[in-house]
């Protein structure tokens, strides 16, 4: 028996082999119609395509009935080995999902833990429940450092405000947060009616990381007298009583509820900041990361 070399097995080859396997099991084209859900003529075309692909005749069909050729019986045996191997592969992959083992390195900007939508917390909990053999390494950092860590491969994933996206990264929206301009109880503007133009007379702290366009527009209306690398630094300077600055409402809430901080012109001085999940484009497959992302986006 001489079977034509077929080179790489394609998805179309697998489809044809499944049709052949079903026809052989049913014993005729007519009997296979209802099982495959296609017409007898379509089955005949698929069988012809497979025979051309393999370079052998697989079965006799006609008035004398249906019967596999010797080559057909050999191909049937080989196809059964192939599909058994595919099923073994599928089950093995499922076992890997059930026994995750390895590391997940995450970079997060600070102060997201006070966000009422606890998506990151829930995803970390689900990942821990999926496998006790996954080691989670979580680092708090600035947006630029997180992006650099992902690009360099030190971090698998990050969570940071969406600003100007970098070409080598993928950004997936997670949720929005609202930022207001705040002053502390010791500040002269506390409980005072003020206009936007009046703010030029008061010192302000602004972030020294990239911001979205709306945030930059509002920051320009302030008297820049200090900078901070993150939101916690901004909060320190606001609470000093000497500076005003923008903070996410969920983070400032703890001081607002205590009467230690107050939003200034909240109907005018506010902007939305989108928190995004960030991964590297063209990243290698990572089952732990994919599970974390799946739970995060659920």
C-alpha atoms as a PDB file:
ATOM      1  CA  UNK A   1       0.000   0.000   0.000  1.00  0.00           C
ATOM      2  CA  UNK A   2       1.354   3.418  -0.948  1.00  0.00           C
ATOM      3  CA  UNK A   3      -0.301   6.380   0.743  1.00  0.00           C
ATOM      4  CA  UNK A   4       0.422   9.873  -0.542  1.00  0.00           C
ATOM      5  CA  UNK A   5       2.462  12.081   1.793  1.00  0.00           C
ATOM      6  CA  UNK A   6       0.175  14.863   3.019  1.00  0.00           C
ATOM      7  CA  UNK A   7       2.555  17.084   4.979  1.00  0.00           C
ATOM      8  CA  UNK A   8       1.004  19.135   7.772  1.00  0.00           C
ATOM      9  CA  UNK A   9      -2.397  18.071   9.128  1.00  0.00           C
ATOM     10  CA  UNK A  10      -4.894  20.916   8.828  1.00  0.00           C
ATOM     11  CA  UNK A  11      -8.244  21.587  10.510  1.00  0.00           C
ATOM     12  CA  UNK A  12      -9.892  20.708   7.196  1.00  0.00           C
ATOM     13  CA  UNK A  13      -8.138  17.315   7.208  1.00  0.00           C
ATOM     14  CA  UNK A  14      -9.493  16.645  10.685  1.00  0.00           C
ATOM     15  CA  UNK A  15     -12.995  17.568   9.506  1.00  0.00           C
ATOM     16  CA  UNK A  16     -12.747  15.139   6.556  1.00  0.00           C
ATOM     17  CA  UNK A  17     -11.378  12.377   8.764  1.00  0.00           C
ATOM     18  CA  UNK A  18     -14.278  12.822  11.194  1.00  0.00           C
ATOM     19  CA  UNK A  19     -16.729  12.486   8.303  1.00  0.00           C
ATOM     20  CA  UNK A  20     -14.915   9.336   7.123  1.00  0.00           C
ATOM     21  CA  UNK A  21     -14.896   7.872  10.632  1.00  0.00           C
ATOM     22  CA  UNK A  22     -18.649   8.481  10.992  1.00  0.00           C
ATOM     23  CA  UNK A  23     -19.426   6.975   7.570  1.00  0.00           C
ATOM     24  CA  UNK A  24     -17.366   3.895   8.425  1.00  0.00           C
ATOM     25  CA  UNK A  25     -19.157   3.526  11.760  1.00  0.00           C
ATOM     26  CA  UNK A  26     -22.612   3.939  10.139  1.00  0.00           C
ATOM     27  CA  UNK A  27     -21.814   1.578   7.258  1.00  0.00           C
ATOM     28  CA  UNK A  28     -23.155   3.825   4.468  1.00  0.00           C
ATOM     29  CA  UNK A  29     -23.543   7.383   3.276  1.00  0.00           C
ATOM     30  CA  UNK A  30     -27.300   7.240   3.759  1.00  0.00           C
ATOM     31  CA  UNK A  31     -27.044   6.124   7.374  1.00  0.00           C
ATOM     32  CA  UNK A  32     -24.446   8.839   8.111  1.00  0.00           C
ATOM     33  CA  UNK A  33     -26.713  11.643   6.835  1.00  0.00           C
ATOM     34  CA  UNK A  34     -28.714  12.036  10.027  1.00  0.00           C
ATOM     35  CA  UNK A  35     -25.667  11.627  12.253  1.00  0.00           C
ATOM     36  CA  UNK A  36     -23.587  14.254  10.435  1.00  0.00           C
ATOM     37  CA  UNK A  37     -26.499  16.553   9.647  1.00  0.00           C
ATOM     38  CA  UNK A  38     -25.434  17.005   6.018  1.00  0.00           C
ATOM     39  CA  UNK A  39     -26.765  15.608   2.728  1.00  0.00           C
ATOM     40  CA  UNK A  40     -25.547  12.420   1.047  1.00  0.00           C
ATOM     41  CA  UNK A  41     -24.083  14.463  -1.826  1.00  0.00           C
ATOM     42  CA  UNK A  42     -22.104  16.609   0.656  1.00  0.00           C
ATOM     43  CA  UNK A  43     -20.772  13.462   2.318  1.00  0.00           C
ATOM     44  CA  UNK A  44     -19.741  12.137  -1.078  1.00  0.00           C
ATOM     45  CA  UNK A  45     -17.862  15.372  -1.823  1.00  0.00           C
ATOM     46  CA  UNK A  46     -16.072  15.222   1.532  1.00  0.00           C
ATOM     47  CA  UNK A  47     -15.049  11.617   0.930  1.00  0.00           C
ATOM     48  CA  UNK A  48     -13.758  12.486  -2.538  1.00  0.00           C
ATOM     49  CA  UNK A  49     -11.775  15.393  -1.113  1.00  0.00           C
ATOM     50  CA  UNK A  50     -10.208  13.109   1.505  1.00  0.00           C
ATOM     51  CA  UNK A  51      -9.302  10.474  -1.063  1.00  0.00           C
ATOM     52  CA  UNK A  52      -7.634  13.137  -3.224  1.00  0.00           C
ATOM     53  CA  UNK A  53      -5.808  14.476  -0.200  1.00  0.00           C
ATOM     54  CA  UNK A  54      -4.495  11.031   0.778  1.00  0.00           C
ATOM     55  CA  UNK A  55      -4.035   9.684  -2.737  1.00  0.00           C
ATOM     56  CA  UNK A  56      -5.918   6.404  -2.027  1.00  0.00           C
ATOM     57  CA  UNK A  57      -9.436   5.021  -2.447  1.00  0.00           C
ATOM     58  CA  UNK A  58     -11.018   4.582   0.953  1.00  0.00           C
ATOM     59  CA  UNK A  59     -14.215   2.708   0.164  1.00  0.00           C
ATOM     60  CA  UNK A  60     -16.309   1.071  -2.510  1.00  0.00           C
ATOM     61  CA  UNK A  61     -19.728   2.588  -2.944  1.00  0.00           C
ATOM     62  CA  UNK A  62     -22.372   1.845  -5.487  1.00  0.00           C
ATOM     63  CA  UNK A  63     -25.092  -0.679  -6.243  1.00  0.00           C
ATOM     64  CA  UNK A  64     -23.054  -3.443  -4.656  1.00  0.00           C
ATOM     65  CA  UNK A  65     -23.139  -1.540  -1.357  1.00  0.00           C
ATOM     66  CA  UNK A  66     -20.586   0.167   0.876  1.00  0.00           C
ATOM     67  CA  UNK A  67     -17.292  -1.433   1.886  1.00  0.00           C
ATOM     68  CA  UNK A  68     -13.937  -0.123   3.095  1.00  0.00           C
ATOM     69  CA  UNK A  69     -10.910  -0.868   0.964  1.00  0.00           C
ATOM     70  CA  UNK A  70      -7.751  -2.258   2.545  1.00  0.00           C
ATOM     71  CA  UNK A  71      -6.281   1.240   2.482  1.00  0.00           C
ATOM     72  CA  UNK A  72      -9.503   2.581   3.971  1.00  0.00           C
ATOM     73  CA  UNK A  73      -9.234   0.199   6.914  1.00  0.00           C
ATOM     74  CA  UNK A  74      -5.649   1.347   7.507  1.00  0.00           C
ATOM     75  CA  UNK A  75      -6.602   5.020   7.341  1.00  0.00           C
ATOM     76  CA  UNK A  76      -9.515   4.350   9.721  1.00  0.00           C
ATOM     77  CA  UNK A  77      -7.125   2.748  12.225  1.00  0.00           C
ATOM     78  CA  UNK A  78      -4.708   5.665  11.970  1.00  0.00           C
ATOM     79  CA  UNK A  79      -7.519   8.205  12.367  1.00  0.00           C
ATOM     80  CA  UNK A  80      -8.751   6.483  15.514  1.00  0.00           C
ATOM     81  CA  UNK A  81      -5.230   6.743  16.960  1.00  0.00           C
ATOM     82  CA  UNK A  82      -5.163  10.436  15.977  1.00  0.00           C
ATOM     83  CA  UNK A  83      -8.504  11.298  17.593  1.00  0.00           C
ATOM     84  CA  UNK A  84      -7.628   9.334  20.722  1.00  0.00           C
ATOM     85  CA  UNK A  85      -4.417  11.379  20.989  1.00  0.00           C
ATOM     86  CA  UNK A  86      -6.378  14.623  20.562  1.00  0.00           C
ATOM     87  CA  UNK A  87      -8.758  13.624  23.344  1.00  0.00           C
ATOM     88  CA  UNK A  88      -5.813  12.713  25.590  1.00  0.00           C
ATOM     89  CA  UNK A  89      -4.343  16.144  24.849  1.00  0.00           C
ATOM     90  CA  UNK A  90      -7.629  17.869  25.718  1.00  0.00           C
ATOM     91  CA  UNK A  91      -7.903  16.026  29.023  1.00  0.00           C
ATOM     92  CA  UNK A  92      -4.258  16.742  29.844  1.00  0.00           C
ATOM     93  CA  UNK A  93      -4.767  20.471  29.242  1.00  0.00           C
ATOM     94  CA  UNK A  94      -7.830  20.399  31.496  1.00  0.00           C
ATOM     95  CA  UNK A  95      -5.699  18.746  34.159  1.00  0.00           C
ATOM     96  CA  UNK A  96      -3.191  21.577  33.854  1.00  0.00           C
ATOM     97  CA  UNK A  97      -6.013  24.073  34.415  1.00  0.00           C
ATOM     98  CA  UNK A  98      -7.038  22.125  37.493  1.00  0.00           C
ATOM     99  CA  UNK A  99      -3.471  22.018  38.845  1.00  0.00           C
ATOM    100  CA  UNK A 100      -2.082  25.465  38.138  1.00  0.00           C
ATOM    101  CA  UNK A 101       1.462  25.941  39.381  1.00  0.00           C
ATOM    102  CA  UNK A 102       3.762  28.902  38.961  1.00  0.00           C
ATOM    103  CA  UNK A 103       3.967  32.641  39.569  1.00  0.00           C
ATOM    104  CA  UNK A 104       1.893  35.694  38.727  1.00  0.00           C
ATOM    105  CA  UNK A 105       3.645  39.059  38.984  1.00  0.00           C
ATOM    106  CA  UNK A 106       1.190  41.955  39.231  1.00  0.00           C
ATOM    107  CA  UNK A 107       1.834  45.698  39.322  1.00  0.00           C
ATOM    108  CA  UNK A 108      -0.892  47.969  40.701  1.00  0.00           C
ATOM    109  CA  UNK A 109      -1.058  51.687  41.370  1.00  0.00           C
ATOM    110  CA  UNK A 110      -1.691  52.426  45.025  1.00  0.00           C
ATOM    111  CA  UNK A 111      -5.063  53.181  46.599  1.00  0.00           C
ATOM    112  CA  UNK A 112      -7.184  50.988  44.342  1.00  0.00           C
ATOM    113  CA  UNK A 113      -8.124  48.865  47.337  1.00  0.00           C
ATOM    114  CA  UNK A 114     -10.708  51.479  48.390  1.00  0.00           C
ATOM    115  CA  UNK A 115     -12.500  51.187  45.026  1.00  0.00           C
ATOM    116  CA  UNK A 116     -16.021  49.846  45.749  1.00  0.00           C
ATOM    117  CA  UNK A 117     -15.875  47.614  42.659  1.00  0.00           C
ATOM    118  CA  UNK A 118     -13.534  45.016  44.153  1.00  0.00           C
ATOM    119  CA  UNK A 119     -12.745  43.301  40.849  1.00  0.00           C
ATOM    120  CA  UNK A 120      -9.031  42.859  41.480  1.00  0.00           C
ATOM    121  CA  UNK A 121      -9.629  41.503  44.969  1.00  0.00           C
ATOM    122  CA  UNK A 122     -12.250  39.058  43.676  1.00  0.00           C
ATOM    123  CA  UNK A 123      -9.952  37.874  40.858  1.00  0.00           C
ATOM    124  CA  UNK A 124      -7.071  37.293  43.298  1.00  0.00           C
ATOM    125  CA  UNK A 125      -9.415  35.320  45.534  1.00  0.00           C
ATOM    126  CA  UNK A 126     -10.627  33.176  42.613  1.00  0.00           C
ATOM    127  CA  UNK A 127      -7.050  32.516  41.481  1.00  0.00           C
ATOM    128  CA  UNK A 128      -6.054  31.456  44.972  1.00  0.00           C
ATOM    129  CA  UNK A 129      -9.067  29.134  45.172  1.00  0.00           C
ATOM    130  CA  UNK A 130      -8.151  27.590  41.788  1.00  0.00           C
ATOM    131  CA  UNK A 131      -4.723  26.504  43.016  1.00  0.00           C
ATOM    132  CA  UNK A 132      -2.713  26.821  46.208  1.00  0.00           C
ATOM    133  CA  UNK A 133       0.433  26.275  44.133  1.00  0.00           C
ATOM    134  CA  UNK A 134       0.236  29.682  42.440  1.00  0.00           C
ATOM    135  CA  UNK A 135       2.559  32.260  44.004  1.00  0.00           C
ATOM    136  CA  UNK A 136       1.227  35.809  43.674  1.00  0.00           C
ATOM    137  CA  UNK A 137       3.753  38.645  43.744  1.00  0.00           C
ATOM    138  CA  UNK A 138       2.001  42.007  43.962  1.00  0.00           C
ATOM    139  CA  UNK A 139       3.926  45.276  43.815  1.00  0.00           C
ATOM    140  CA  UNK A 140       2.607  48.808  44.220  1.00  0.00           C
ATOM    141  CA  UNK A 141       4.161  51.253  41.780  1.00  0.00           C
ATOM    142  CA  UNK A 142       3.649  54.243  39.504  1.00  0.00           C
ATOM    143  CA  UNK A 143       1.890  53.856  36.136  1.00  0.00           C
ATOM    144  CA  UNK A 144       5.119  54.361  34.165  1.00  0.00           C
ATOM    145  CA  UNK A 145       7.014  51.803  36.231  1.00  0.00           C
ATOM    146  CA  UNK A 146       4.199  49.271  35.781  1.00  0.00           C
ATOM    147  CA  UNK A 147       4.165  49.752  32.009  1.00  0.00           C
ATOM    148  CA  UNK A 148       7.949  49.415  31.880  1.00  0.00           C
ATOM    149  CA  UNK A 149       7.847  46.268  34.016  1.00  0.00           C
ATOM    150  CA  UNK A 150       5.319  44.636  31.666  1.00  0.00           C
ATOM    151  CA  UNK A 151       7.305  45.600  28.559  1.00  0.00           C
ATOM    152  CA  UNK A 152      10.497  44.178  30.085  1.00  0.00           C
ATOM    153  CA  UNK A 153       8.768  40.970  31.163  1.00  0.00           C
ATOM    154  CA  UNK A 154       9.213  41.488  34.921  1.00  0.00           C
ATOM    155  CA  UNK A 155       5.444  41.843  35.355  1.00  0.00           C
ATOM    156  CA  UNK A 156       2.729  39.705  33.783  1.00  0.00           C
ATOM    157  CA  UNK A 157      -0.102  42.191  34.240  1.00  0.00           C
ATOM    158  CA  UNK A 158      -0.836  45.620  35.672  1.00  0.00           C
ATOM    159  CA  UNK A 159      -3.709  47.880  36.724  1.00  0.00           C
ATOM    160  CA  UNK A 160      -3.355  51.616  36.150  1.00  0.00           C
ATOM    161  CA  UNK A 161      -5.187  54.717  34.886  1.00  0.00           C
ATOM    162  CA  UNK A 162      -5.646  54.792  31.116  1.00  0.00           C
ATOM    163  CA  UNK A 163      -3.655  57.673  29.676  1.00  0.00           C
ATOM    164  CA  UNK A 164      -1.752  57.643  26.387  1.00  0.00           C
ATOM    165  CA  UNK A 165      -1.426  53.931  25.499  1.00  0.00           C
ATOM    166  CA  UNK A 166       1.979  52.509  24.589  1.00  0.00           C
ATOM    167  CA  UNK A 167       2.199  50.598  21.315  1.00  0.00           C
ATOM    168  CA  UNK A 168       3.650  47.431  22.865  1.00  0.00           C
ATOM    169  CA  UNK A 169       0.855  46.980  25.417  1.00  0.00           C
ATOM    170  CA  UNK A 170      -2.784  45.909  25.374  1.00  0.00           C
ATOM    171  CA  UNK A 171      -5.220  47.879  27.555  1.00  0.00           C
ATOM    172  CA  UNK A 172      -8.578  46.487  28.725  1.00  0.00           C
ATOM    173  CA  UNK A 173     -11.060  48.804  30.529  1.00  0.00           C
ATOM    174  CA  UNK A 174     -11.812  47.656  34.067  1.00  0.00           C
ATOM    175  CA  UNK A 175     -13.855  50.485  35.611  1.00  0.00           C
ATOM    176  CA  UNK A 176     -14.032  54.282  35.864  1.00  0.00           C
ATOM    177  CA  UNK A 177     -13.251  56.407  38.881  1.00  0.00           C
ATOM    178  CA  UNK A 178     -14.189  60.036  39.469  1.00  0.00           C
ATOM    179  CA  UNK A 179     -11.605  62.534  40.706  1.00  0.00           C
ATOM    180  CA  UNK A 180     -12.441  65.799  42.528  1.00  0.00           C
ATOM    181  CA  UNK A 181     -10.315  68.693  43.736  1.00  0.00           C
ATOM    182  CA  UNK A 182      -9.852  68.522  47.543  1.00  0.00           C
ATOM    183  CA  UNK A 183      -8.547  70.643  50.379  1.00  0.00           C
ATOM    184  CA  UNK A 184      -8.125  69.714  54.037  1.00  0.00           C
ATOM    185  CA  UNK A 185      -9.896  71.061  57.121  1.00  0.00           C
ATOM    186  CA  UNK A 186      -6.871  73.287  57.885  1.00  0.00           C
ATOM    187  CA  UNK A 187      -6.902  74.922  54.443  1.00  0.00           C
ATOM    188  CA  UNK A 188      -8.274  78.476  53.990  1.00  0.00           C
ATOM    189  CA  UNK A 189     -10.706  77.237  51.303  1.00  0.00           C
ATOM    190  CA  UNK A 190     -12.428  74.763  53.628  1.00  0.00           C
ATOM    191  CA  UNK A 191     -16.141  75.655  53.833  1.00  0.00           C
ATOM    192  CA  UNK A 192     -15.511  78.738  51.717  1.00  0.00           C
ATOM    193  CA  UNK A 193     -17.331  79.735  48.519  1.00  0.00           C
ATOM    194  CA  UNK A 194     -14.725  80.125  45.801  1.00  0.00           C
ATOM    195  CA  UNK A 195     -14.525  80.566  42.025  1.00  0.00           C
ATOM    196  CA  UNK A 196     -12.235  78.725  39.606  1.00  0.00           C
ATOM    197  CA  UNK A 197     -10.220  81.894  39.009  1.00  0.00           C
ATOM    198  CA  UNK A 198      -9.602  82.230  42.767  1.00  0.00           C
ATOM    199  CA  UNK A 199      -7.701  78.931  42.756  1.00  0.00           C
ATOM    200  CA  UNK A 200      -4.708  80.584  41.068  1.00  0.00           C
ATOM    201  CA  UNK A 201      -3.972  82.189  44.466  1.00  0.00           C
ATOM    202  CA  UNK A 202      -3.561  78.862  46.286  1.00  0.00           C
ATOM    203  CA  UNK A 203      -0.770  76.313  46.113  1.00  0.00           C
ATOM    204  CA  UNK A 204      -1.629  73.014  44.477  1.00  0.00           C
ATOM    205  CA  UNK A 205      -0.015  69.582  44.235  1.00  0.00           C
ATOM    206  CA  UNK A 206      -0.137  67.871  40.847  1.00  0.00           C
ATOM    207  CA  UNK A 207       0.969  64.380  39.808  1.00  0.00           C
ATOM    208  CA  UNK A 208       4.240  64.050  37.869  1.00  0.00           C
ATOM    209  CA  UNK A 209       2.989  61.031  35.911  1.00  0.00           C
ATOM    210  CA  UNK A 210       1.073  61.038  32.632  1.00  0.00           C
ATOM    211  CA  UNK A 211      -2.590  62.079  32.785  1.00  0.00           C
ATOM    212  CA  UNK A 212      -5.510  62.004  30.390  1.00  0.00           C
ATOM    213  CA  UNK A 213      -6.430  65.156  28.486  1.00  0.00           C
ATOM    214  CA  UNK A 214      -9.274  66.249  30.778  1.00  0.00           C
ATOM    215  CA  UNK A 215      -7.087  65.867  33.862  1.00  0.00           C
ATOM    216  CA  UNK A 216      -4.291  67.906  32.264  1.00  0.00           C
ATOM    217  CA  UNK A 217      -6.755  70.643  31.321  1.00  0.00           C
ATOM    218  CA  UNK A 218      -7.989  70.985  34.901  1.00  0.00           C
ATOM    219  CA  UNK A 219      -4.508  70.798  36.421  1.00  0.00           C
ATOM    220  CA  UNK A 220      -3.498  73.823  34.301  1.00  0.00           C
ATOM    221  CA  UNK A 221      -6.077  75.925  36.146  1.00  0.00           C
ATOM    222  CA  UNK A 222      -4.154  75.381  39.390  1.00  0.00           C
ATOM    223  CA  UNK A 223      -1.084  77.065  40.857  1.00  0.00           C
ATOM    224  CA  UNK A 224       1.453  74.268  40.652  1.00  0.00           C
ATOM    225  CA  UNK A 225       3.625  74.415  43.790  1.00  0.00           C
ATOM    226  CA  UNK A 226       4.353  70.735  44.475  1.00  0.00           C
ATOM    227  CA  UNK A 227       4.387  67.377  42.702  1.00  0.00           C
ATOM    228  CA  UNK A 228       3.878  63.792  43.833  1.00  0.00           C
ATOM    229  CA  UNK A 229       4.615  60.448  42.203  1.00  0.00           C
ATOM    230  CA  UNK A 230       1.333  58.853  43.331  1.00  0.00           C
ATOM    231  CA  UNK A 231      -2.065  59.470  44.891  1.00  0.00           C
ATOM    232  CA  UNK A 232      -0.861  58.775  48.446  1.00  0.00           C
ATOM    233  CA  UNK A 233       1.758  61.517  48.081  1.00  0.00           C
ATOM    234  CA  UNK A 234      -0.959  63.893  46.870  1.00  0.00           C
ATOM    235  CA  UNK A 235      -3.092  63.006  49.909  1.00  0.00           C
ATOM    236  CA  UNK A 236      -0.174  63.718  52.281  1.00  0.00           C
ATOM    237  CA  UNK A 237       0.288  67.203  50.845  1.00  0.00           C
ATOM    238  CA  UNK A 238      -3.465  67.951  50.860  1.00  0.00           C
ATOM    239  CA  UNK A 239      -3.729  66.890  54.504  1.00  0.00           C
ATOM    240  CA  UNK A 240      -0.834  69.208  55.373  1.00  0.00           C
ATOM    241  CA  UNK A 241      -3.348  72.037  54.985  1.00  0.00           C
ATOM    242  CA  UNK A 242      -1.139  73.916  52.531  1.00  0.00           C
ATOM    243  CA  UNK A 243      -2.150  72.434  49.177  1.00  0.00           C
ATOM    244  CA  UNK A 244      -5.181  71.535  47.081  1.00  0.00           C
ATOM    245  CA  UNK A 245      -5.116  68.565  44.724  1.00  0.00           C
ATOM    246  CA  UNK A 246      -7.145  66.009  42.790  1.00  0.00           C
ATOM    247  CA  UNK A 247      -7.905  62.594  44.290  1.00  0.00           C
ATOM    248  CA  UNK A 248     -10.304  59.755  43.377  1.00  0.00           C
ATOM    249  CA  UNK A 249     -13.501  60.102  45.389  1.00  0.00           C
ATOM    250  CA  UNK A 250     -13.295  56.533  46.729  1.00  0.00           C
ATOM    251  CA  UNK A 251      -9.829  57.220  48.160  1.00  0.00           C
ATOM    252  CA  UNK A 252     -10.697  60.630  49.623  1.00  0.00           C
ATOM    253  CA  UNK A 253     -13.922  59.291  51.179  1.00  0.00           C
ATOM    254  CA  UNK A 254     -12.220  58.140  54.395  1.00  0.00           C
ATOM    255  CA  UNK A 255     -11.141  61.729  55.192  1.00  0.00           C
ATOM    256  CA  UNK A 256     -14.317  63.341  53.827  1.00  0.00           C
ATOM    257  CA  UNK A 257     -16.421  61.154  56.155  1.00  0.00           C
ATOM    258  CA  UNK A 258     -14.296  62.317  59.106  1.00  0.00           C
ATOM    259  CA  UNK A 259     -14.668  65.971  58.132  1.00  0.00           C
ATOM    260  CA  UNK A 260     -10.924  66.221  57.448  1.00  0.00           C
ATOM    261  CA  UNK A 261     -11.201  66.854  53.709  1.00  0.00           C
ATOM    262  CA  UNK A 262     -13.664  68.561  51.386  1.00  0.00           C
ATOM    263  CA  UNK A 263     -14.238  68.722  47.615  1.00  0.00           C
ATOM    264  CA  UNK A 264     -13.905  72.156  46.017  1.00  0.00           C
ATOM    265  CA  UNK A 265     -16.501  73.112  43.376  1.00  0.00           C
ATOM    266  CA  UNK A 266     -17.423  69.436  42.850  1.00  0.00           C
ATOM    267  CA  UNK A 267     -19.879  70.249  40.051  1.00  0.00           C
ATOM    268  CA  UNK A 268     -17.160  71.931  37.979  1.00  0.00           C
ATOM    269  CA  UNK A 269     -13.792  70.530  39.018  1.00  0.00           C
ATOM    270  CA  UNK A 270     -14.002  66.814  38.309  1.00  0.00           C
ATOM    271  CA  UNK A 271     -12.805  64.346  35.703  1.00  0.00           C
ATOM    272  CA  UNK A 272     -13.182  60.660  34.947  1.00  0.00           C
ATOM    273  CA  UNK A 273     -10.186  58.342  34.992  1.00  0.00           C
ATOM    274  CA  UNK A 274     -10.457  54.900  33.420  1.00  0.00           C
ATOM    275  CA  UNK A 275      -8.637  52.127  35.270  1.00  0.00           C
ATOM    276  CA  UNK A 276      -7.339  49.557  32.804  1.00  0.00           C
ATOM    277  CA  UNK A 277      -5.788  46.119  32.952  1.00  0.00           C
ATOM    278  CA  UNK A 278      -2.550  46.045  30.984  1.00  0.00           C
ATOM    279  CA  UNK A 279      -0.658  43.128  29.410  1.00  0.00           C
ATOM    280  CA  UNK A 280       2.108  42.871  26.844  1.00  0.00           C
ATOM    281  CA  UNK A 281       1.152  42.447  23.201  1.00  0.00           C
ATOM    282  CA  UNK A 282       2.164  39.117  21.686  1.00  0.00           C
ATOM    283  CA  UNK A 283       2.745  37.616  25.121  1.00  0.00           C
ATOM    284  CA  UNK A 284       3.487  33.906  25.448  1.00  0.00           C
ATOM    285  CA  UNK A 285       0.566  31.694  26.586  1.00  0.00           C
ATOM    286  CA  UNK A 286       0.282  31.682  30.374  1.00  0.00           C
ATOM    287  CA  UNK A 287      -2.549  29.679  31.915  1.00  0.00           C
ATOM    288  CA  UNK A 288      -2.263  31.458  35.272  1.00  0.00           C
ATOM    289  CA  UNK A 289      -2.463  34.890  33.652  1.00  0.00           C
ATOM    290  CA  UNK A 290      -5.356  33.866  31.403  1.00  0.00           C
ATOM    291  CA  UNK A 291      -7.334  32.558  34.386  1.00  0.00           C
ATOM    292  CA  UNK A 292      -6.659  35.765  36.333  1.00  0.00           C
ATOM    293  CA  UNK A 293      -7.808  37.894  33.370  1.00  0.00           C
ATOM    294  CA  UNK A 294     -10.903  35.716  32.908  1.00  0.00           C
ATOM    295  CA  UNK A 295     -11.911  36.209  36.555  1.00  0.00           C
ATOM    296  CA  UNK A 296     -11.059  39.911  36.402  1.00  0.00           C
ATOM    297  CA  UNK A 297     -13.292  40.549  33.397  1.00  0.00           C
ATOM    298  CA  UNK A 298     -16.144  38.337  34.595  1.00  0.00           C
END
